[in-house]
């Protein structure tokens, strides 16, 4: 995470460095990204960089977490607008991601994460995701979800439901920010949510009841 020296910089100086870093990480795979290129684009001495961040990974982690925070704020607002109904909120989040899919440092969010992921290949493709704090995401979602709208039968059900939703629907949401989104992506998401909302087990027969 950034040092207090970085956090005490004027906002425009912080933004100049972060913009240069985001551009570098979206143009080159992580293992090829260069601190020299970043400091040159930001117009700062290399020594100053190490006063702000420990190393390249430290900076990369901060960018990812900052991007995820912007996404979580958007999703929290959508959840509140939907009365805490996660099934109603997810299609709206898909629409939000589609409208913010182009990379823009001023927007942050999924567009930057998608650009970073798309810049990598093979074992590097999950490079951005391994820096995401899944537990923080779940905790913030739980705080906004209305539990009265879910069939919760024992402690831990809400956490389990949210984990399953993110695991099953994460790829569909991610496809929403791709330059060429999967045709019918929103319809696929809505169909999956309808199945999950109604439940996947067959209704018991009279003999089973």
C-alpha atoms as a PDB file:
ATOM      1  CA  UNK A   1       0.000   0.000   0.000  1.00  0.00           C
ATOM      2  CA  UNK A   2       1.190   3.575  -0.558  1.00  0.00           C
ATOM      3  CA  UNK A   3       3.318   5.276   2.038  1.00  0.00           C
ATOM      4  CA  UNK A   4       2.218   8.306   4.018  1.00  0.00           C
ATOM      5  CA  UNK A   5       4.583  10.307   1.802  1.00  0.00           C
ATOM      6  CA  UNK A   6       2.482   9.445  -1.233  1.00  0.00           C
ATOM      7  CA  UNK A   7      -0.803  10.049   0.573  1.00  0.00           C
ATOM      8  CA  UNK A   8       0.421  13.498   1.605  1.00  0.00           C
ATOM      9  CA  UNK A   9       1.148  14.504  -1.999  1.00  0.00           C
ATOM     10  CA  UNK A  10      -1.146  16.968  -3.721  1.00  0.00           C
ATOM     11  CA  UNK A  11      -4.042  15.078  -5.395  1.00  0.00           C
ATOM     12  CA  UNK A  12      -2.901  16.086  -8.886  1.00  0.00           C
ATOM     13  CA  UNK A  13       0.566  14.622  -8.264  1.00  0.00           C
ATOM     14  CA  UNK A  14      -0.921  11.379  -6.976  1.00  0.00           C
ATOM     15  CA  UNK A  15      -3.183  11.155  -9.988  1.00  0.00           C
ATOM     16  CA  UNK A  16      -0.352  11.775 -12.430  1.00  0.00           C
ATOM     17  CA  UNK A  17       1.600   8.802 -11.071  1.00  0.00           C
ATOM     18  CA  UNK A  18      -1.443   6.529 -10.888  1.00  0.00           C
ATOM     19  CA  UNK A  19      -2.505   7.420 -14.418  1.00  0.00           C
ATOM     20  CA  UNK A  20       0.978   6.616 -15.715  1.00  0.00           C
ATOM     21  CA  UNK A  21       0.946   3.310 -13.827  1.00  0.00           C
ATOM     22  CA  UNK A  22      -2.516   2.353 -15.042  1.00  0.00           C
ATOM     23  CA  UNK A  23      -1.506   3.080 -18.629  1.00  0.00           C
ATOM     24  CA  UNK A  24       1.618   0.942 -18.287  1.00  0.00           C
ATOM     25  CA  UNK A  25      -0.246  -2.006 -16.766  1.00  0.00           C
ATOM     26  CA  UNK A  26      -2.934  -1.900 -19.463  1.00  0.00           C
ATOM     27  CA  UNK A  27      -0.422  -1.772 -22.303  1.00  0.00           C
ATOM     28  CA  UNK A  28       2.025  -4.473 -21.146  1.00  0.00           C
ATOM     29  CA  UNK A  29       1.746  -7.746 -19.228  1.00  0.00           C
ATOM     30  CA  UNK A  30       2.548  -7.328 -15.559  1.00  0.00           C
ATOM     31  CA  UNK A  31       5.897  -9.113 -15.808  1.00  0.00           C
ATOM     32  CA  UNK A  32       6.945  -6.746 -18.623  1.00  0.00           C
ATOM     33  CA  UNK A  33       5.639  -3.525 -17.054  1.00  0.00           C
ATOM     34  CA  UNK A  34       8.471  -1.150 -16.243  1.00  0.00           C
ATOM     35  CA  UNK A  35       8.888   1.160 -13.296  1.00  0.00           C
ATOM     36  CA  UNK A  36      11.225   3.206 -15.489  1.00  0.00           C
ATOM     37  CA  UNK A  37       8.411   3.764 -17.991  1.00  0.00           C
ATOM     38  CA  UNK A  38       6.006   4.708 -15.216  1.00  0.00           C
ATOM     39  CA  UNK A  39       8.275   7.273 -13.573  1.00  0.00           C
ATOM     40  CA  UNK A  40       9.228   8.713 -16.937  1.00  0.00           C
ATOM     41  CA  UNK A  41       5.581   9.172 -17.914  1.00  0.00           C
ATOM     42  CA  UNK A  42       4.802  10.620 -14.483  1.00  0.00           C
ATOM     43  CA  UNK A  43       7.787  12.952 -14.636  1.00  0.00           C
ATOM     44  CA  UNK A  44       9.261  11.928 -11.274  1.00  0.00           C
ATOM     45  CA  UNK A  45      12.705  10.594 -10.259  1.00  0.00           C
ATOM     46  CA  UNK A  46      12.947   6.822  -9.824  1.00  0.00           C
ATOM     47  CA  UNK A  47      14.055   7.368  -6.229  1.00  0.00           C
ATOM     48  CA  UNK A  48      10.814   9.201  -5.494  1.00  0.00           C
ATOM     49  CA  UNK A  49       8.829   6.174  -6.612  1.00  0.00           C
ATOM     50  CA  UNK A  50      10.360   4.079  -3.849  1.00  0.00           C
ATOM     51  CA  UNK A  51       9.382   6.736  -1.341  1.00  0.00           C
ATOM     52  CA  UNK A  52       5.767   6.211  -2.398  1.00  0.00           C
ATOM     53  CA  UNK A  53       5.532   2.441  -3.029  1.00  0.00           C
ATOM     54  CA  UNK A  54       7.620  -0.528  -1.955  1.00  0.00           C
ATOM     55  CA  UNK A  55       7.842  -2.032  -5.450  1.00  0.00           C
ATOM     56  CA  UNK A  56       5.893  -2.701  -8.655  1.00  0.00           C
ATOM     57  CA  UNK A  57       3.615  -5.244  -6.982  1.00  0.00           C
ATOM     58  CA  UNK A  58       2.743  -2.782  -4.231  1.00  0.00           C
ATOM     59  CA  UNK A  59       1.650  -0.214  -6.832  1.00  0.00           C
ATOM     60  CA  UNK A  60      -0.229  -2.824  -8.868  1.00  0.00           C
ATOM     61  CA  UNK A  61      -2.092  -4.062  -5.795  1.00  0.00           C
ATOM     62  CA  UNK A  62      -3.101  -0.517  -4.899  1.00  0.00           C
ATOM     63  CA  UNK A  63      -4.476   0.143  -8.397  1.00  0.00           C
ATOM     64  CA  UNK A  64      -6.538  -3.046  -8.307  1.00  0.00           C
ATOM     65  CA  UNK A  65      -7.920  -2.328  -4.858  1.00  0.00           C
ATOM     66  CA  UNK A  66      -8.727   1.253  -5.808  1.00  0.00           C
ATOM     67  CA  UNK A  67     -10.514  -0.004  -8.916  1.00  0.00           C
ATOM     68  CA  UNK A  68     -12.485  -2.574  -6.932  1.00  0.00           C
ATOM     69  CA  UNK A  69     -13.509   0.072  -4.419  1.00  0.00           C
ATOM     70  CA  UNK A  70     -15.035   2.144  -7.229  1.00  0.00           C
ATOM     71  CA  UNK A  71     -16.946  -0.937  -8.411  1.00  0.00           C
ATOM     72  CA  UNK A  72     -18.163  -1.789  -4.927  1.00  0.00           C
ATOM     73  CA  UNK A  73     -19.434   1.738  -4.374  1.00  0.00           C
ATOM     74  CA  UNK A  74     -21.410   1.462  -7.616  1.00  0.00           C
ATOM     75  CA  UNK A  75     -22.815  -1.949  -6.699  1.00  0.00           C
ATOM     76  CA  UNK A  76     -23.728  -0.812  -3.177  1.00  0.00           C
ATOM     77  CA  UNK A  77     -25.657   2.102  -4.649  1.00  0.00           C
ATOM     78  CA  UNK A  78     -27.465  -0.216  -7.084  1.00  0.00           C
ATOM     79  CA  UNK A  79     -28.300  -2.645  -4.265  1.00  0.00           C
ATOM     80  CA  UNK A  80     -29.746   0.142  -2.150  1.00  0.00           C
ATOM     81  CA  UNK A  81     -31.776   1.417  -5.116  1.00  0.00           C
ATOM     82  CA  UNK A  82     -33.137  -2.130  -5.569  1.00  0.00           C
ATOM     83  CA  UNK A  83     -34.123  -2.365  -1.921  1.00  0.00           C
ATOM     84  CA  UNK A  84     -31.351  -4.841  -1.150  1.00  0.00           C
ATOM     85  CA  UNK A  85     -32.617  -7.351  -3.744  1.00  0.00           C
ATOM     86  CA  UNK A  86     -29.403  -8.927  -5.071  1.00  0.00           C
ATOM     87  CA  UNK A  87     -31.293 -10.725  -7.861  1.00  0.00           C
ATOM     88  CA  UNK A  88     -32.628  -7.411  -9.170  1.00  0.00           C
ATOM     89  CA  UNK A  89     -29.323  -5.614  -8.640  1.00  0.00           C
ATOM     90  CA  UNK A  90     -27.093  -7.953 -10.653  1.00  0.00           C
ATOM     91  CA  UNK A  91     -28.702  -7.218 -14.070  1.00  0.00           C
ATOM     92  CA  UNK A  92     -28.430  -3.507 -13.311  1.00  0.00           C
ATOM     93  CA  UNK A  93     -24.768  -4.031 -12.431  1.00  0.00           C
ATOM     94  CA  UNK A  94     -24.301  -5.739 -15.788  1.00  0.00           C
ATOM     95  CA  UNK A  95     -25.727  -2.632 -17.483  1.00  0.00           C
ATOM     96  CA  UNK A  96     -23.413  -0.439 -15.441  1.00  0.00           C
ATOM     97  CA  UNK A  97     -20.393  -2.501 -16.469  1.00  0.00           C
ATOM     98  CA  UNK A  98     -21.409  -2.344 -20.117  1.00  0.00           C
ATOM     99  CA  UNK A  99     -21.600   1.441 -19.944  1.00  0.00           C
ATOM    100  CA  UNK A 100     -18.173   1.645 -18.234  1.00  0.00           C
ATOM    101  CA  UNK A 101     -16.356  -1.036 -20.201  1.00  0.00           C
ATOM    102  CA  UNK A 102     -13.958   1.345 -21.957  1.00  0.00           C
ATOM    103  CA  UNK A 103     -10.754   1.886 -20.012  1.00  0.00           C
ATOM    104  CA  UNK A 104     -10.503   5.343 -18.511  1.00  0.00           C
ATOM    105  CA  UNK A 105      -8.307   6.169 -15.557  1.00  0.00           C
ATOM    106  CA  UNK A 106     -10.776   8.856 -14.462  1.00  0.00           C
ATOM    107  CA  UNK A 107     -13.524   6.223 -14.282  1.00  0.00           C
ATOM    108  CA  UNK A 108     -11.484   3.375 -12.837  1.00  0.00           C
ATOM    109  CA  UNK A 109     -13.581   0.340 -12.025  1.00  0.00           C
ATOM    110  CA  UNK A 110     -13.975  -2.760 -14.137  1.00  0.00           C
ATOM    111  CA  UNK A 111     -12.809  -1.112 -17.340  1.00  0.00           C
ATOM    112  CA  UNK A 112      -9.297  -0.796 -15.973  1.00  0.00           C
ATOM    113  CA  UNK A 113      -9.357  -4.285 -14.467  1.00  0.00           C
ATOM    114  CA  UNK A 114     -10.578  -5.771 -17.752  1.00  0.00           C
ATOM    115  CA  UNK A 115      -7.879  -3.929 -19.683  1.00  0.00           C
ATOM    116  CA  UNK A 116      -5.206  -5.250 -17.306  1.00  0.00           C
ATOM    117  CA  UNK A 117      -6.527  -8.829 -17.509  1.00  0.00           C
ATOM    118  CA  UNK A 118      -6.807  -8.684 -21.294  1.00  0.00           C
ATOM    119  CA  UNK A 119      -3.210  -7.516 -21.526  1.00  0.00           C
ATOM    120  CA  UNK A 120      -2.027 -10.785 -19.997  1.00  0.00           C
ATOM    121  CA  UNK A 121      -2.092 -14.321 -21.301  1.00  0.00           C
ATOM    122  CA  UNK A 122      -1.658 -17.849 -20.018  1.00  0.00           C
ATOM    123  CA  UNK A 123      -0.807 -18.046 -16.328  1.00  0.00           C
ATOM    124  CA  UNK A 124      -0.746 -14.267 -16.151  1.00  0.00           C
ATOM    125  CA  UNK A 125      -4.434 -13.924 -17.061  1.00  0.00           C
ATOM    126  CA  UNK A 126      -5.538 -14.050 -13.449  1.00  0.00           C
ATOM    127  CA  UNK A 127      -2.867 -11.657 -12.288  1.00  0.00           C
ATOM    128  CA  UNK A 128      -5.288  -8.883 -11.468  1.00  0.00           C
ATOM    129  CA  UNK A 129      -7.821 -11.135  -9.760  1.00  0.00           C
ATOM    130  CA  UNK A 130      -5.380 -12.612  -7.254  1.00  0.00           C
ATOM    131  CA  UNK A 131      -5.024  -9.151  -5.723  1.00  0.00           C
ATOM    132  CA  UNK A 132      -8.783  -8.808  -5.151  1.00  0.00           C
ATOM    133  CA  UNK A 133      -9.883  -9.099  -1.525  1.00  0.00           C
ATOM    134  CA  UNK A 134     -12.876 -11.425  -1.899  1.00  0.00           C
ATOM    135  CA  UNK A 135     -13.691 -11.326   1.816  1.00  0.00           C
ATOM    136  CA  UNK A 136     -13.972  -7.535   1.764  1.00  0.00           C
ATOM    137  CA  UNK A 137     -16.280  -7.697  -1.253  1.00  0.00           C
ATOM    138  CA  UNK A 138     -18.537 -10.225   0.470  1.00  0.00           C
ATOM    139  CA  UNK A 139     -18.635  -8.228   3.700  1.00  0.00           C
ATOM    140  CA  UNK A 140     -19.662  -5.053   1.892  1.00  0.00           C
ATOM    141  CA  UNK A 141     -22.305  -6.894  -0.119  1.00  0.00           C
ATOM    142  CA  UNK A 142     -23.748  -8.500   3.000  1.00  0.00           C
ATOM    143  CA  UNK A 143     -24.128  -5.053   4.552  1.00  0.00           C
ATOM    144  CA  UNK A 144     -26.369  -3.933   1.666  1.00  0.00           C
ATOM    145  CA  UNK A 145     -28.390  -7.076   0.918  1.00  0.00           C
ATOM    146  CA  UNK A 146     -31.883  -7.333   2.400  1.00  0.00           C
ATOM    147  CA  UNK A 147     -31.907 -10.752   4.138  1.00  0.00           C
ATOM    148  CA  UNK A 148     -35.720 -10.757   4.250  1.00  0.00           C
ATOM    149  CA  UNK A 149     -35.730 -11.296   0.470  1.00  0.00           C
ATOM    150  CA  UNK A 150     -33.715 -14.527   0.723  1.00  0.00           C
ATOM    151  CA  UNK A 151     -34.545 -17.990   2.034  1.00  0.00           C
ATOM    152  CA  UNK A 152     -32.082 -18.054   4.915  1.00  0.00           C
ATOM    153  CA  UNK A 153     -32.485 -21.074   7.149  1.00  0.00           C
ATOM    154  CA  UNK A 154     -29.327 -21.172   9.234  1.00  0.00           C
ATOM    155  CA  UNK A 155     -26.326 -19.001  10.115  1.00  0.00           C
ATOM    156  CA  UNK A 156     -23.947 -18.682   7.221  1.00  0.00           C
ATOM    157  CA  UNK A 157     -26.605 -19.033   4.502  1.00  0.00           C
ATOM    158  CA  UNK A 158     -26.256 -15.418   3.358  1.00  0.00           C
ATOM    159  CA  UNK A 159     -22.498 -15.732   3.016  1.00  0.00           C
ATOM    160  CA  UNK A 160     -22.899 -19.022   1.108  1.00  0.00           C
ATOM    161  CA  UNK A 161     -25.512 -17.564  -1.251  1.00  0.00           C
ATOM    162  CA  UNK A 162     -23.380 -14.543  -2.104  1.00  0.00           C
ATOM    163  CA  UNK A 163     -20.314 -16.712  -2.691  1.00  0.00           C
ATOM    164  CA  UNK A 164     -22.264 -18.953  -5.058  1.00  0.00           C
ATOM    165  CA  UNK A 165     -23.700 -15.993  -6.937  1.00  0.00           C
ATOM    166  CA  UNK A 166     -20.269 -14.465  -7.457  1.00  0.00           C
ATOM    167  CA  UNK A 167     -18.720 -17.781  -8.491  1.00  0.00           C
ATOM    168  CA  UNK A 168     -21.458 -18.677 -10.957  1.00  0.00           C
ATOM    169  CA  UNK A 169     -22.229 -15.236 -12.348  1.00  0.00           C
ATOM    170  CA  UNK A 170     -18.827 -13.546 -12.140  1.00  0.00           C
ATOM    171  CA  UNK A 171     -17.836 -14.702 -15.659  1.00  0.00           C
ATOM    172  CA  UNK A 172     -21.113 -13.371 -17.085  1.00  0.00           C
ATOM    173  CA  UNK A 173     -20.597 -10.006 -15.401  1.00  0.00           C
ATOM    174  CA  UNK A 174     -16.987  -9.924 -16.574  1.00  0.00           C
ATOM    175  CA  UNK A 175     -18.074 -10.557 -20.167  1.00  0.00           C
ATOM    176  CA  UNK A 176     -20.104  -7.374 -19.938  1.00  0.00           C
ATOM    177  CA  UNK A 177     -16.970  -5.229 -20.022  1.00  0.00           C
ATOM    178  CA  UNK A 178     -15.329  -6.953 -22.974  1.00  0.00           C
ATOM    179  CA  UNK A 179     -15.095  -4.930 -26.216  1.00  0.00           C
ATOM    180  CA  UNK A 180     -17.224  -7.618 -27.881  1.00  0.00           C
ATOM    181  CA  UNK A 181     -19.589  -8.808 -25.184  1.00  0.00           C
ATOM    182  CA  UNK A 182     -21.123 -12.246 -25.541  1.00  0.00           C
ATOM    183  CA  UNK A 183     -24.417 -11.953 -27.477  1.00  0.00           C
ATOM    184  CA  UNK A 184     -27.341 -12.245 -25.134  1.00  0.00           C
ATOM    185  CA  UNK A 185     -25.158 -11.807 -22.077  1.00  0.00           C
ATOM    186  CA  UNK A 186     -27.803  -9.950 -20.116  1.00  0.00           C
ATOM    187  CA  UNK A 187     -30.456 -12.505 -21.029  1.00  0.00           C
ATOM    188  CA  UNK A 188     -28.112 -15.301 -19.917  1.00  0.00           C
ATOM    189  CA  UNK A 189     -27.611 -13.532 -16.597  1.00  0.00           C
ATOM    190  CA  UNK A 190     -31.334 -12.983 -16.059  1.00  0.00           C
ATOM    191  CA  UNK A 191     -32.121 -16.611 -16.930  1.00  0.00           C
ATOM    192  CA  UNK A 192     -29.524 -17.909 -14.476  1.00  0.00           C
ATOM    193  CA  UNK A 193     -30.868 -15.625 -11.751  1.00  0.00           C
ATOM    194  CA  UNK A 194     -34.429 -16.848 -12.300  1.00  0.00           C
ATOM    195  CA  UNK A 195     -33.265 -20.451 -11.874  1.00  0.00           C
ATOM    196  CA  UNK A 196     -31.311 -19.592  -8.732  1.00  0.00           C
ATOM    197  CA  UNK A 197     -34.189 -17.600  -7.265  1.00  0.00           C
ATOM    198  CA  UNK A 198     -36.722 -20.419  -7.723  1.00  0.00           C
ATOM    199  CA  UNK A 199     -34.311 -23.166  -6.655  1.00  0.00           C
ATOM    200  CA  UNK A 200     -32.891 -26.038  -8.659  1.00  0.00           C
ATOM    201  CA  UNK A 201     -34.305 -29.064  -6.871  1.00  0.00           C
ATOM    202  CA  UNK A 202     -37.392 -30.811  -8.233  1.00  0.00           C
ATOM    203  CA  UNK A 203     -40.571 -30.420  -6.208  1.00  0.00           C
ATOM    204  CA  UNK A 204     -41.009 -33.436  -3.930  1.00  0.00           C
ATOM    205  CA  UNK A 205     -43.639 -35.942  -4.907  1.00  0.00           C
ATOM    206  CA  UNK A 206     -46.417 -36.802  -2.435  1.00  0.00           C
ATOM    207  CA  UNK A 207     -44.515 -39.990  -1.576  1.00  0.00           C
ATOM    208  CA  UNK A 208     -41.424 -37.951  -0.705  1.00  0.00           C
ATOM    209  CA  UNK A 209     -43.234 -35.450   1.464  1.00  0.00           C
END
